[in-house]
Amino acid sequence: MNPGTPSTDVNLTLDGSYYNVPGLEISLNFKREESEASFFRRGSNFDFGMSGGNLYANFKLTSGASTITVNSGNVYSIPNDHAFHAYKFRYDYATGVANIMVDGAIVYTYTGVAGRPQNWTGAGNPVIGASMDATGRNIPVLDNFIIQNSANPVALPMSLLSFDAVAKKNIVQLSWTTTREFNVASIEVERSADGSNFSKIQKQSAVGGYTVTNAYSYNDMSPVAGTNYYRLKMIDNDGKFTYSEVRKVQFSVIAAAQVFPNPATSYVMISLSSVEKANYTCSIYSIDGALLKSMNLSVNAGVQNSKVDLSQVNYKGIIMVQLKDEKGNSAGSFRIIKK
């Protein structure tokens, strides 16, 4: 944009209701043609611009019932080279850190207290280009002007450092760690049997804390037979949410298994109670780990007995009968005395 002729300030006024955000980010390209220029001003609450050819920013923060005024002072001498340069102000409400940047390099940093929002009480409407007339020359002085909330609207409401789901006997142990928890309300654990349709099985309140690491855990005491899919739903105080990656845990479809008789002579019976049709490998080992016999078992849903012939197994003593599903997951291990 340019102020035009005759000598007139830009003075583009905006509706202030759109800019009452806790953290503001302003970026622009500016070509210096004078010594005084306000890029973006909102009453006495905020001013980012140039004074005497020097870059500066003044802004107010809310601290309880009072306000804090931050003055950067002159942080950078803006070149009078009649060329566009990139200037940016950013205040991160979550960390309390403000930066001023020139052509991508930080020239000023303010480190405050996390969680203090910018103060807009009585600020009025923002004005772009106050005191900016380019000395009456009808040439562009501002370009690529962007005003936005410094918070990333698609970012996770927290940083998820780890998320694990591990089968332990008949349960699934879930654990996860987080940091940078800010504005987070709760974390829900969701489970699915098909990887598409998830439902909530547990909800935990967020611990909170921006600079600490928080550890969470939950035990799923009743996982479904077959494959279990888990994900975390992280919900912020505004109701927005983000999902974690999905973790997968495989469980045998066998609900119960028995091997008899014990002791055994020429055979053993394997009784399987299965929730669905499946194929298993039955392996028989000596006590010192030598494979004595292996066979495949095809199991239908319901209770089914399968006979395993031991008459050709030339071994006496303790044997181990092991069952594994098609993916190699253990479905049971039994000690039998063979006479």
C-alpha atoms as a PDB file:
ATOM      1  CA  MET A   1       0.000   0.000   0.000  1.00  0.00           C
ATOM      2  CA  ASN A   2       1.051   3.616  -0.462  1.00  0.00           C
ATOM      3  CA  PRO A   3      -0.173   6.841   1.140  1.00  0.00           C
ATOM      4  CA  GLY A   4      -0.655   8.653  -2.170  1.00  0.00           C
ATOM      5  CA  THR A   5      -0.508  12.376  -2.768  1.00  0.00           C
ATOM      6  CA  PRO A   6      -0.567  14.981  -1.433  1.00  0.00           C
ATOM      7  CA  SER A   7       1.363  14.362   1.803  1.00  0.00           C
ATOM      8  CA  THR A   8      -1.111  12.142   3.721  1.00  0.00           C
ATOM      9  CA  ASP A   9      -0.602   9.382   6.259  1.00  0.00           C
ATOM     10  CA  VAL A  10      -1.842   5.895   5.385  1.00  0.00           C
ATOM     11  CA  ASN A  11      -4.081   5.681   8.516  1.00  0.00           C
ATOM     12  CA  LEU A  12      -5.917   2.510   7.527  1.00  0.00           C
ATOM     13  CA  THR A  13      -8.347   1.820  10.408  1.00  0.00           C
ATOM     14  CA  LEU A  14      -9.586  -1.704  11.179  1.00  0.00           C
ATOM     15  CA  ASP A  15     -12.364  -3.135  13.342  1.00  0.00           C
ATOM     16  CA  GLY A  16     -10.725  -3.799  16.708  1.00  0.00           C
ATOM     17  CA  SER A  17     -13.100  -6.609  17.747  1.00  0.00           C
ATOM     18  CA  TYR A  18     -11.215  -9.042  15.514  1.00  0.00           C
ATOM     19  CA  TYR A  19      -7.904  -8.458  17.241  1.00  0.00           C
ATOM     20  CA  ASN A  20      -8.680  -9.122  20.915  1.00  0.00           C
ATOM     21  CA  VAL A  21      -6.387 -12.149  20.992  1.00  0.00           C
ATOM     22  CA  PRO A  22      -3.987 -13.193  23.781  1.00  0.00           C
ATOM     23  CA  GLY A  23      -0.975 -13.174  21.486  1.00  0.00           C
ATOM     24  CA  LEU A  24      -0.480 -11.147  18.320  1.00  0.00           C
ATOM     25  CA  GLU A  25       1.793 -11.718  15.333  1.00  0.00           C
ATOM     26  CA  ILE A  26       2.400  -8.968  12.776  1.00  0.00           C
ATOM     27  CA  SER A  27       4.597  -9.380   9.712  1.00  0.00           C
ATOM     28  CA  LEU A  28       5.133  -6.973   6.839  1.00  0.00           C
ATOM     29  CA  ASN A  29       7.533  -5.743   4.206  1.00  0.00           C
ATOM     30  CA  PHE A  30       8.454  -2.073   4.649  1.00  0.00           C
ATOM     31  CA  LYS A  31      10.428   0.339   2.465  1.00  0.00           C
ATOM     32  CA  ARG A  32      11.728   3.276   4.443  1.00  0.00           C
ATOM     33  CA  GLU A  33      11.130   6.716   2.909  1.00  0.00           C
ATOM     34  CA  GLU A  34      11.007   8.747   6.144  1.00  0.00           C
ATOM     35  CA  SER A  35      12.081   8.675   9.812  1.00  0.00           C
ATOM     36  CA  GLU A  36       8.730   8.248  11.615  1.00  0.00           C
ATOM     37  CA  ALA A  37       6.247   5.491  10.851  1.00  0.00           C
ATOM     38  CA  SER A  38       3.881   3.306  12.888  1.00  0.00           C
ATOM     39  CA  PHE A  39       3.246  -0.024  11.212  1.00  0.00           C
ATOM     40  CA  PHE A  40       0.436  -1.114  13.543  1.00  0.00           C
ATOM     41  CA  ARG A  41      -0.899   0.922  16.457  1.00  0.00           C
ATOM     42  CA  ARG A  42      -3.810   0.334  18.816  1.00  0.00           C
ATOM     43  CA  GLY A  43      -4.201   3.208  21.247  1.00  0.00           C
ATOM     44  CA  SER A  44      -1.658   3.098  24.042  1.00  0.00           C
ATOM     45  CA  ASN A  45      -1.866  -0.695  24.262  1.00  0.00           C
ATOM     46  CA  PHE A  46       0.274  -1.566  21.266  1.00  0.00           C
ATOM     47  CA  ASP A  47       2.586   0.135  18.802  1.00  0.00           C
ATOM     48  CA  PHE A  48       5.030  -1.471  16.377  1.00  0.00           C
ATOM     49  CA  GLY A  49       6.956   0.795  14.065  1.00  0.00           C
ATOM     50  CA  MET A  50       9.865   3.172  13.502  1.00  0.00           C
ATOM     51  CA  SER A  51      10.956   6.215  15.482  1.00  0.00           C
ATOM     52  CA  GLY A  52      13.880   8.333  14.315  1.00  0.00           C
ATOM     53  CA  GLY A  53      14.701   5.580  11.846  1.00  0.00           C
ATOM     54  CA  ASN A  54      14.839   2.932  14.603  1.00  0.00           C
ATOM     55  CA  LEU A  55      12.617  -0.122  14.973  1.00  0.00           C
ATOM     56  CA  TYR A  56      10.651  -0.494  18.228  1.00  0.00           C
ATOM     57  CA  ALA A  57       7.616  -2.152  19.845  1.00  0.00           C
ATOM     58  CA  ASN A  58       5.521  -1.175  22.878  1.00  0.00           C
ATOM     59  CA  PHE A  59       2.825  -3.500  24.228  1.00  0.00           C
ATOM     60  CA  LYS A  60       0.725  -4.098  27.330  1.00  0.00           C
ATOM     61  CA  LEU A  61       0.170  -7.423  29.102  1.00  0.00           C
ATOM     62  CA  THR A  62      -2.472  -8.438  31.611  1.00  0.00           C
ATOM     63  CA  SER A  63      -1.120  -9.542  34.991  1.00  0.00           C
ATOM     64  CA  GLY A  64      -3.930 -10.379  37.375  1.00  0.00           C
ATOM     65  CA  ALA A  65      -5.902  -7.176  37.987  1.00  0.00           C
ATOM     66  CA  SER A  66      -3.117  -4.929  36.669  1.00  0.00           C
ATOM     67  CA  THR A  67      -1.212  -4.398  33.431  1.00  0.00           C
ATOM     68  CA  ILE A  68       2.454  -4.477  32.487  1.00  0.00           C
ATOM     69  CA  THR A  69       3.847  -2.206  29.783  1.00  0.00           C
ATOM     70  CA  VAL A  70       6.819  -3.515  27.805  1.00  0.00           C
ATOM     71  CA  ASN A  71       8.973  -1.064  25.847  1.00  0.00           C
ATOM     72  CA  SER A  72      11.594  -2.587  23.599  1.00  0.00           C
ATOM     73  CA  GLY A  73      13.379   0.706  22.997  1.00  0.00           C
ATOM     74  CA  ASN A  74      15.262   1.210  19.739  1.00  0.00           C
ATOM     75  CA  VAL A  75      16.350  -2.273  18.694  1.00  0.00           C
ATOM     76  CA  TYR A  76      17.421  -1.876  15.068  1.00  0.00           C
ATOM     77  CA  SER A  77      18.407   0.936  12.710  1.00  0.00           C
ATOM     78  CA  ILE A  78      16.184   0.560   9.655  1.00  0.00           C
ATOM     79  CA  PRO A  79      18.251   1.051   6.475  1.00  0.00           C
ATOM     80  CA  ASN A  80      17.331   4.026   4.329  1.00  0.00           C
ATOM     81  CA  ASP A  81      18.122   2.149   1.133  1.00  0.00           C
ATOM     82  CA  HIS A  82      14.687   2.526  -0.530  1.00  0.00           C
ATOM     83  CA  ALA A  83      14.329  -1.279  -0.557  1.00  0.00           C
ATOM     84  CA  PHE A  84      11.754  -3.551   1.050  1.00  0.00           C
ATOM     85  CA  HIS A  85      12.808  -5.523   4.156  1.00  0.00           C
ATOM     86  CA  ALA A  86      10.794  -7.996   6.239  1.00  0.00           C
ATOM     87  CA  TYR A  87       9.820  -6.995   9.789  1.00  0.00           C
ATOM     88  CA  LYS A  88       7.923  -9.097  12.312  1.00  0.00           C
ATOM     89  CA  PHE A  89       6.599  -8.802  15.865  1.00  0.00           C
ATOM     90  CA  ARG A  90       5.365 -11.882  17.695  1.00  0.00           C
ATOM     91  CA  TYR A  91       4.160 -12.393  21.261  1.00  0.00           C
ATOM     92  CA  ASP A  92       3.671 -16.011  22.364  1.00  0.00           C
ATOM     93  CA  TYR A  93       1.036 -16.032  25.084  1.00  0.00           C
ATOM     94  CA  ALA A  94       1.830 -19.641  26.032  1.00  0.00           C
ATOM     95  CA  THR A  95       5.481 -18.914  26.840  1.00  0.00           C
ATOM     96  CA  GLY A  96       5.417 -15.198  27.632  1.00  0.00           C
ATOM     97  CA  VAL A  97       8.129 -14.588  25.028  1.00  0.00           C
ATOM     98  CA  ALA A  98       8.068 -11.753  22.486  1.00  0.00           C
ATOM     99  CA  ASN A  99      10.410 -11.355  19.519  1.00  0.00           C
ATOM    100  CA  ILE A 100      11.125  -8.702  16.918  1.00  0.00           C
ATOM    101  CA  MET A 101      12.698  -9.984  13.703  1.00  0.00           C
ATOM    102  CA  VAL A 102      14.283  -8.341  10.685  1.00  0.00           C
ATOM    103  CA  ASP A 103      14.682 -10.354   7.491  1.00  0.00           C
ATOM    104  CA  GLY A 104      14.237 -13.540   9.523  1.00  0.00           C
ATOM    105  CA  ALA A 105      16.823 -12.697  12.222  1.00  0.00           C
ATOM    106  CA  ILE A 106      15.815 -11.970  15.821  1.00  0.00           C
ATOM    107  CA  VAL A 107      16.895  -8.494  16.927  1.00  0.00           C
ATOM    108  CA  TYR A 108      14.939  -8.318  20.201  1.00  0.00           C
ATOM    109  CA  THR A 109      13.616 -10.809  22.769  1.00  0.00           C
ATOM    110  CA  TYR A 110      11.391 -10.216  25.782  1.00  0.00           C
ATOM    111  CA  THR A 111      11.085 -13.119  28.234  1.00  0.00           C
ATOM    112  CA  GLY A 112       8.087 -12.745  30.504  1.00  0.00           C
ATOM    113  CA  VAL A 113       5.723 -15.001  32.444  1.00  0.00           C
ATOM    114  CA  ALA A 114       3.836 -17.720  30.554  1.00  0.00           C
ATOM    115  CA  GLY A 115       0.094 -17.267  30.354  1.00  0.00           C
ATOM    116  CA  ARG A 116      -0.065 -13.457  30.443  1.00  0.00           C
ATOM    117  CA  PRO A 117      -2.251 -12.283  27.522  1.00  0.00           C
ATOM    118  CA  GLN A 118      -1.890  -9.025  25.694  1.00  0.00           C
ATOM    119  CA  ASN A 119      -4.138  -6.342  27.145  1.00  0.00           C
ATOM    120  CA  TRP A 120      -6.701  -4.723  24.813  1.00  0.00           C
ATOM    121  CA  THR A 121      -8.943  -3.002  27.372  1.00  0.00           C
ATOM    122  CA  GLY A 122      -9.889   0.400  25.998  1.00  0.00           C
ATOM    123  CA  ALA A 123      -7.482  -0.007  23.091  1.00  0.00           C
ATOM    124  CA  GLY A 124      -9.936   1.082  20.402  1.00  0.00           C
ATOM    125  CA  ASN A 125      -9.445   0.254  16.727  1.00  0.00           C
ATOM    126  CA  PRO A 126      -6.081  -0.664  15.194  1.00  0.00           C
ATOM    127  CA  VAL A 127      -4.511   1.753  12.720  1.00  0.00           C
ATOM    128  CA  ILE A 128      -2.054   0.718  10.011  1.00  0.00           C
ATOM    129  CA  GLY A 129       0.353   3.347   8.763  1.00  0.00           C
ATOM    130  CA  ALA A 130      -0.097   6.120  11.317  1.00  0.00           C
ATOM    131  CA  SER A 131       2.488   8.914  10.784  1.00  0.00           C
ATOM    132  CA  MET A 132       3.438   7.259   7.499  1.00  0.00           C
ATOM    133  CA  ASP A 133       3.228   9.579   4.489  1.00  0.00           C
ATOM    134  CA  ALA A 134       6.384   8.555   2.594  1.00  0.00           C
ATOM    135  CA  THR A 135       7.289  12.278   2.542  1.00  0.00           C
ATOM    136  CA  GLY A 136       4.472  12.887   0.089  1.00  0.00           C
ATOM    137  CA  ARG A 137       5.815  10.534  -2.575  1.00  0.00           C
ATOM    138  CA  ASN A 138       3.187   8.434  -4.308  1.00  0.00           C
ATOM    139  CA  ILE A 139       5.076   5.121  -3.944  1.00  0.00           C
ATOM    140  CA  PRO A 140       4.357   1.822  -2.156  1.00  0.00           C
ATOM    141  CA  VAL A 141       5.829   1.600   1.342  1.00  0.00           C
ATOM    142  CA  LEU A 142       4.034  -1.463   2.821  1.00  0.00           C
ATOM    143  CA  ASP A 143       3.560  -4.911   1.324  1.00  0.00           C
ATOM    144  CA  ASN A 144       2.597  -8.441   2.449  1.00  0.00           C
ATOM    145  CA  PHE A 145       0.990  -7.123   5.645  1.00  0.00           C
ATOM    146  CA  ILE A 146      -0.240 -10.049   7.795  1.00  0.00           C
ATOM    147  CA  ILE A 147      -1.934  -9.804  11.207  1.00  0.00           C
ATOM    148  CA  GLN A 148      -2.791 -13.022  12.992  1.00  0.00           C
ATOM    149  CA  ASN A 149      -3.120 -14.833  16.286  1.00  0.00           C
ATOM    150  CA  SER A 150       0.337 -16.054  17.277  1.00  0.00           C
ATOM    151  CA  ALA A 151      -1.138 -19.362  18.453  1.00  0.00           C
ATOM    152  CA  ASN A 152      -1.056 -22.067  15.798  1.00  0.00           C
ATOM    153  CA  PRO A 153      -4.685 -23.219  15.416  1.00  0.00           C
ATOM    154  CA  VAL A 154      -3.692 -26.654  14.113  1.00  0.00           C
ATOM    155  CA  ALA A 155      -1.040 -27.372  16.709  1.00  0.00           C
ATOM    156  CA  LEU A 156      -1.538 -29.990  19.379  1.00  0.00           C
ATOM    157  CA  PRO A 157      -2.879 -28.568  22.644  1.00  0.00           C
ATOM    158  CA  MET A 158       0.230 -30.175  24.136  1.00  0.00           C
ATOM    159  CA  SER A 159       3.436 -31.829  22.974  1.00  0.00           C
ATOM    160  CA  LEU A 160       3.102 -35.625  23.074  1.00  0.00           C
ATOM    161  CA  LEU A 161       6.566 -37.038  23.779  1.00  0.00           C
ATOM    162  CA  SER A 162       5.664 -40.748  23.779  1.00  0.00           C
ATOM    163  CA  PHE A 163       2.673 -43.076  23.524  1.00  0.00           C
ATOM    164  CA  ASP A 164       2.941 -46.847  24.054  1.00  0.00           C
ATOM    165  CA  ALA A 165       0.484 -49.734  24.231  1.00  0.00           C
ATOM    166  CA  VAL A 166       1.802 -53.141  25.373  1.00  0.00           C
ATOM    167  CA  ALA A 167       0.026 -56.449  25.989  1.00  0.00           C
ATOM    168  CA  LYS A 168       0.689 -57.894  29.462  1.00  0.00           C
ATOM    169  CA  LYS A 169      -1.024 -61.242  29.970  1.00  0.00           C
ATOM    170  CA  ASN A 170      -4.742 -60.455  29.643  1.00  0.00           C
ATOM    171  CA  ILE A 171      -4.568 -56.648  29.743  1.00  0.00           C
ATOM    172  CA  VAL A 172      -3.123 -53.801  27.692  1.00  0.00           C
ATOM    173  CA  GLN A 173      -0.894 -51.318  29.487  1.00  0.00           C
ATOM    174  CA  LEU A 174      -1.033 -47.839  27.963  1.00  0.00           C
ATOM    175  CA  SER A 175       1.390 -45.077  28.894  1.00  0.00           C
ATOM    176  CA  TRP A 176       2.243 -41.664  27.499  1.00  0.00           C
ATOM    177  CA  THR A 177       4.261 -38.603  28.405  1.00  0.00           C
ATOM    178  CA  THR A 178       3.614 -34.969  27.536  1.00  0.00           C
ATOM    179  CA  THR A 179       5.084 -31.523  27.927  1.00  0.00           C
ATOM    180  CA  ARG A 180       4.084 -27.935  27.061  1.00  0.00           C
ATOM    181  CA  GLU A 181       0.612 -28.552  28.478  1.00  0.00           C
ATOM    182  CA  PHE A 182      -1.195 -25.259  28.167  1.00  0.00           C
ATOM    183  CA  ASN A 183      -4.934 -24.668  27.940  1.00  0.00           C
ATOM    184  CA  VAL A 184      -5.458 -28.466  28.059  1.00  0.00           C
ATOM    185  CA  ALA A 185      -8.615 -29.788  29.717  1.00  0.00           C
ATOM    186  CA  SER A 186      -8.451 -33.584  29.432  1.00  0.00           C
ATOM    187  CA  ILE A 187      -7.067 -36.631  27.632  1.00  0.00           C
ATOM    188  CA  GLU A 188      -9.300 -39.474  26.505  1.00  0.00           C
ATOM    189  CA  VAL A 189      -8.216 -43.020  25.637  1.00  0.00           C
ATOM    190  CA  GLU A 190     -10.125 -44.451  22.687  1.00  0.00           C
ATOM    191  CA  ARG A 191     -10.186 -48.069  21.450  1.00  0.00           C
ATOM    192  CA  SER A 192     -11.290 -49.693  18.208  1.00  0.00           C
ATOM    193  CA  ALA A 193     -11.594 -53.277  17.010  1.00  0.00           C
ATOM    194  CA  ASP A 194     -11.374 -52.376  13.315  1.00  0.00           C
ATOM    195  CA  GLY A 195      -9.101 -49.317  13.265  1.00  0.00           C
ATOM    196  CA  SER A 196     -11.926 -47.046  12.059  1.00  0.00           C
ATOM    197  CA  ASN A 197     -14.678 -46.877  14.664  1.00  0.00           C
ATOM    198  CA  PHE A 198     -13.270 -45.684  17.993  1.00  0.00           C
ATOM    199  CA  SER A 199     -15.018 -45.288  21.330  1.00  0.00           C
ATOM    200  CA  LYS A 200     -13.894 -43.724  24.609  1.00  0.00           C
ATOM    201  CA  ILE A 201     -12.828 -46.193  27.302  1.00  0.00           C
ATOM    202  CA  GLN A 202     -11.221 -43.770  29.757  1.00  0.00           C
ATOM    203  CA  LYS A 203     -10.830 -40.052  30.479  1.00  0.00           C
ATOM    204  CA  GLN A 204      -8.164 -38.277  32.532  1.00  0.00           C
ATOM    205  CA  SER A 205      -7.870 -34.634  33.515  1.00  0.00           C
ATOM    206  CA  ALA A 206      -4.738 -32.946  32.220  1.00  0.00           C
ATOM    207  CA  VAL A 207      -2.048 -32.299  34.814  1.00  0.00           C
ATOM    208  CA  GLY A 208      -0.963 -29.005  33.235  1.00  0.00           C
ATOM    209  CA  GLY A 209       2.404 -27.286  33.225  1.00  0.00           C
ATOM    210  CA  TYR A 210       4.271 -25.839  30.290  1.00  0.00           C
ATOM    211  CA  THR A 211       7.901 -26.550  31.155  1.00  0.00           C
ATOM    212  CA  VAL A 212       7.515 -29.927  32.894  1.00  0.00           C
ATOM    213  CA  THR A 213       7.107 -33.504  31.657  1.00  0.00           C
ATOM    214  CA  ASN A 214       3.928 -35.297  32.751  1.00  0.00           C
ATOM    215  CA  ALA A 215       3.513 -39.089  32.759  1.00  0.00           C
ATOM    216  CA  TYR A 216       0.143 -40.837  32.365  1.00  0.00           C
ATOM    217  CA  SER A 217      -0.920 -44.487  32.364  1.00  0.00           C
ATOM    218  CA  TYR A 218      -4.014 -46.611  32.008  1.00  0.00           C
ATOM    219  CA  ASN A 219      -4.659 -50.370  31.946  1.00  0.00           C
ATOM    220  CA  ASP A 220      -7.319 -51.714  29.592  1.00  0.00           C
ATOM    221  CA  MET A 221      -8.608 -54.667  31.603  1.00  0.00           C
ATOM    222  CA  SER A 222     -10.901 -56.017  28.878  1.00  0.00           C
ATOM    223  CA  PRO A 223      -9.296 -55.797  25.427  1.00  0.00           C
ATOM    224  CA  VAL A 224     -11.160 -57.419  22.567  1.00  0.00           C
ATOM    225  CA  ALA A 225     -10.012 -60.683  21.053  1.00  0.00           C
ATOM    226  CA  GLY A 226      -7.902 -60.117  17.952  1.00  0.00           C
ATOM    227  CA  THR A 227      -6.478 -56.663  17.146  1.00  0.00           C
ATOM    228  CA  ASN A 228      -6.965 -53.684  19.455  1.00  0.00           C
ATOM    229  CA  TYR A 229      -6.352 -50.151  18.182  1.00  0.00           C
ATOM    230  CA  TYR A 230      -5.715 -47.297  20.618  1.00  0.00           C
ATOM    231  CA  ARG A 231      -5.414 -43.526  20.245  1.00  0.00           C
ATOM    232  CA  LEU A 232      -5.420 -40.476  22.519  1.00  0.00           C
ATOM    233  CA  LYS A 233      -7.857 -37.595  22.126  1.00  0.00           C
ATOM    234  CA  MET A 234      -6.308 -34.421  23.573  1.00  0.00           C
ATOM    235  CA  ILE A 235      -8.934 -31.784  24.334  1.00  0.00           C
ATOM    236  CA  ASP A 236      -8.249 -28.138  25.154  1.00  0.00           C
ATOM    237  CA  ASN A 237     -10.361 -25.784  27.266  1.00  0.00           C
ATOM    238  CA  ASP A 238     -12.088 -24.413  24.168  1.00  0.00           C
ATOM    239  CA  GLY A 239     -13.376 -27.838  23.167  1.00  0.00           C
ATOM    240  CA  LYS A 240     -10.928 -28.229  20.289  1.00  0.00           C
ATOM    241  CA  PHE A 241      -9.137 -31.555  20.122  1.00  0.00           C
ATOM    242  CA  THR A 242      -6.347 -33.398  18.360  1.00  0.00           C
ATOM    243  CA  TYR A 243      -5.689 -37.136  18.005  1.00  0.00           C
ATOM    244  CA  SER A 244      -2.440 -38.969  18.568  1.00  0.00           C
ATOM    245  CA  GLU A 245      -1.091 -41.646  16.274  1.00  0.00           C
ATOM    246  CA  VAL A 246      -2.765 -45.057  16.575  1.00  0.00           C
ATOM    247  CA  ARG A 247      -1.116 -47.900  18.484  1.00  0.00           C
ATOM    248  CA  LYS A 248      -1.996 -51.536  17.672  1.00  0.00           C
ATOM    249  CA  VAL A 249      -1.959 -54.521  20.057  1.00  0.00           C
ATOM    250  CA  GLN A 250      -2.683 -58.082  18.959  1.00  0.00           C
ATOM    251  CA  PHE A 251      -4.511 -60.536  21.245  1.00  0.00           C
ATOM    252  CA  SER A 252      -5.245 -64.191  20.615  1.00  0.00           C
ATOM    253  CA  VAL A 253      -8.822 -65.017  19.683  1.00  0.00           C
ATOM    254  CA  ILE A 254      -8.711 -67.868  22.158  1.00  0.00           C
ATOM    255  CA  ALA A 255     -10.778 -67.088  25.220  1.00  0.00           C
ATOM    256  CA  ALA A 256      -9.681 -70.238  27.062  1.00  0.00           C
ATOM    257  CA  ALA A 257      -7.481 -73.277  26.466  1.00  0.00           C
ATOM    258  CA  GLN A 258      -6.942 -76.563  28.299  1.00  0.00           C
ATOM    259  CA  VAL A 259      -4.633 -79.518  27.682  1.00  0.00           C
ATOM    260  CA  PHE A 260      -5.415 -82.984  29.176  1.00  0.00           C
ATOM    261  CA  PRO A 261      -4.896 -85.651  30.347  1.00  0.00           C
ATOM    262  CA  ASN A 262      -1.938 -84.931  32.582  1.00  0.00           C
ATOM    263  CA  PRO A 263       0.018 -87.195  32.870  1.00  0.00           C
ATOM    264  CA  ALA A 264      -0.358 -88.332  29.244  1.00  0.00           C
ATOM    265  CA  THR A 265       0.792 -91.473  27.445  1.00  0.00           C
ATOM    266  CA  SER A 266      -0.091 -91.661  23.743  1.00  0.00           C
ATOM    267  CA  TYR A 267      -2.040 -88.443  23.178  1.00  0.00           C
ATOM    268  CA  VAL A 268      -3.223 -85.153  24.620  1.00  0.00           C
ATOM    269  CA  MET A 269      -6.470 -83.315  23.985  1.00  0.00           C
ATOM    270  CA  ILE A 270      -6.388 -79.563  23.410  1.00  0.00           C
ATOM    271  CA  SER A 271      -9.675 -77.879  24.258  1.00  0.00           C
ATOM    272  CA  LEU A 272     -10.002 -74.402  22.783  1.00  0.00           C
ATOM    273  CA  SER A 273     -12.763 -71.885  23.381  1.00  0.00           C
ATOM    274  CA  SER A 274     -12.466 -69.424  20.497  1.00  0.00           C
ATOM    275  CA  VAL A 275     -14.468 -66.316  19.664  1.00  0.00           C
ATOM    276  CA  GLU A 276     -13.905 -66.768  15.922  1.00  0.00           C
ATOM    277  CA  LYS A 277     -12.438 -69.123  13.362  1.00  0.00           C
ATOM    278  CA  ALA A 278      -8.635 -69.152  13.433  1.00  0.00           C
ATOM    279  CA  ASN A 279      -5.539 -71.235  12.678  1.00  0.00           C
ATOM    280  CA  TYR A 280      -2.935 -72.145  15.272  1.00  0.00           C
ATOM    281  CA  THR A 281       0.355 -73.962  15.485  1.00  0.00           C
ATOM    282  CA  CYS A 282       0.762 -76.508  18.250  1.00  0.00           C
ATOM    283  CA  SER A 283       4.404 -77.247  19.116  1.00  0.00           C
ATOM    284  CA  ILE A 284       5.664 -79.776  21.628  1.00  0.00           C
ATOM    285  CA  TYR A 285       9.101 -79.358  23.194  1.00  0.00           C
ATOM    286  CA  SER A 286      11.204 -81.338  25.615  1.00  0.00           C
ATOM    287  CA  ILE A 287      12.123 -79.683  28.888  1.00  0.00           C
ATOM    288  CA  ASP A 288      15.507 -78.723  27.400  1.00  0.00           C
ATOM    289  CA  GLY A 289      13.873 -76.959  24.399  1.00  0.00           C
ATOM    290  CA  ALA A 290      14.147 -79.645  21.679  1.00  0.00           C
ATOM    291  CA  LEU A 291      11.222 -79.654  19.234  1.00  0.00           C
ATOM    292  CA  LEU A 292       9.473 -83.043  19.419  1.00  0.00           C
ATOM    293  CA  LYS A 293       6.390 -82.459  17.275  1.00  0.00           C
ATOM    294  CA  SER A 294       4.586 -79.631  15.461  1.00  0.00           C
ATOM    295  CA  MET A 295       1.151 -79.516  13.849  1.00  0.00           C
ATOM    296  CA  ASN A 296      -1.444 -77.012  12.633  1.00  0.00           C
ATOM    297  CA  LEU A 297      -4.855 -76.673  14.267  1.00  0.00           C
ATOM    298  CA  SER A 298      -7.850 -75.128  12.519  1.00  0.00           C
ATOM    299  CA  VAL A 299     -10.298 -73.869  15.133  1.00  0.00           C
ATOM    300  CA  ASN A 300     -13.913 -72.842  14.611  1.00  0.00           C
ATOM    301  CA  ALA A 301     -15.815 -70.450  16.821  1.00  0.00           C
ATOM    302  CA  GLY A 302     -17.024 -72.026  20.030  1.00  0.00           C
ATOM    303  CA  VAL A 303     -15.520 -74.895  22.025  1.00  0.00           C
ATOM    304  CA  GLN A 304     -13.512 -77.457  20.079  1.00  0.00           C
ATOM    305  CA  ASN A 305     -11.356 -80.394  21.137  1.00  0.00           C
ATOM    306  CA  SER A 306      -8.345 -81.458  19.051  1.00  0.00           C
ATOM    307  CA  LYS A 307      -6.404 -84.665  19.597  1.00  0.00           C
ATOM    308  CA  VAL A 308      -2.603 -84.558  19.362  1.00  0.00           C
ATOM    309  CA  ASP A 309      -0.987 -87.961  18.796  1.00  0.00           C
ATOM    310  CA  LEU A 310       2.075 -88.553  21.004  1.00  0.00           C
ATOM    311  CA  SER A 311       2.592 -92.219  20.124  1.00  0.00           C
ATOM    312  CA  GLN A 312       5.490 -91.358  17.799  1.00  0.00           C
ATOM    313  CA  VAL A 313       7.137 -89.013  20.303  1.00  0.00           C
ATOM    314  CA  ASN A 314      10.047 -91.017  21.693  1.00  0.00           C
ATOM    315  CA  TYR A 315      10.415 -89.039  24.888  1.00  0.00           C
ATOM    316  CA  LYS A 316       9.397 -89.433  28.523  1.00  0.00           C
ATOM    317  CA  GLY A 317       9.283 -86.740  31.144  1.00  0.00           C
ATOM    318  CA  ILE A 318       8.069 -83.146  31.201  1.00  0.00           C
ATOM    319  CA  ILE A 319       7.012 -81.761  27.830  1.00  0.00           C
ATOM    320  CA  MET A 320       5.854 -78.234  26.915  1.00  0.00           C
ATOM    321  CA  VAL A 321       2.773 -77.796  24.742  1.00  0.00           C
ATOM    322  CA  GLN A 322       2.746 -74.332  23.141  1.00  0.00           C
ATOM    323  CA  LEU A 323       0.076 -72.671  21.020  1.00  0.00           C
ATOM    324  CA  LYS A 324       0.702 -69.717  18.688  1.00  0.00           C
ATOM    325  CA  ASP A 325      -1.612 -67.874  16.337  1.00  0.00           C
ATOM    326  CA  GLU A 326      -0.913 -67.105  12.673  1.00  0.00           C
ATOM    327  CA  LYS A 327       1.069 -63.982  13.610  1.00  0.00           C
ATOM    328  CA  GLY A 328       3.282 -65.838  16.047  1.00  0.00           C
ATOM    329  CA  ASN A 329       1.584 -64.522  19.187  1.00  0.00           C
ATOM    330  CA  SER A 330       1.459 -66.934  22.102  1.00  0.00           C
ATOM    331  CA  ALA A 331      -1.998 -68.306  22.855  1.00  0.00           C
ATOM    332  CA  GLY A 332      -0.971 -70.581  25.708  1.00  0.00           C
ATOM    333  CA  SER A 333       1.801 -72.740  27.164  1.00  0.00           C
ATOM    334  CA  PHE A 334       1.280 -75.909  29.198  1.00  0.00           C
ATOM    335  CA  ARG A 335       3.545 -78.375  31.089  1.00  0.00           C
ATOM    336  CA  ILE A 336       2.561 -82.019  30.659  1.00  0.00           C
ATOM    337  CA  ILE A 337       4.150 -85.190  32.050  1.00  0.00           C
ATOM    338  CA  LYS A 338       4.534 -87.812  29.324  1.00  0.00           C
ATOM    339  CA  LYS A 339       4.888 -91.415  30.449  1.00  0.00           C
END
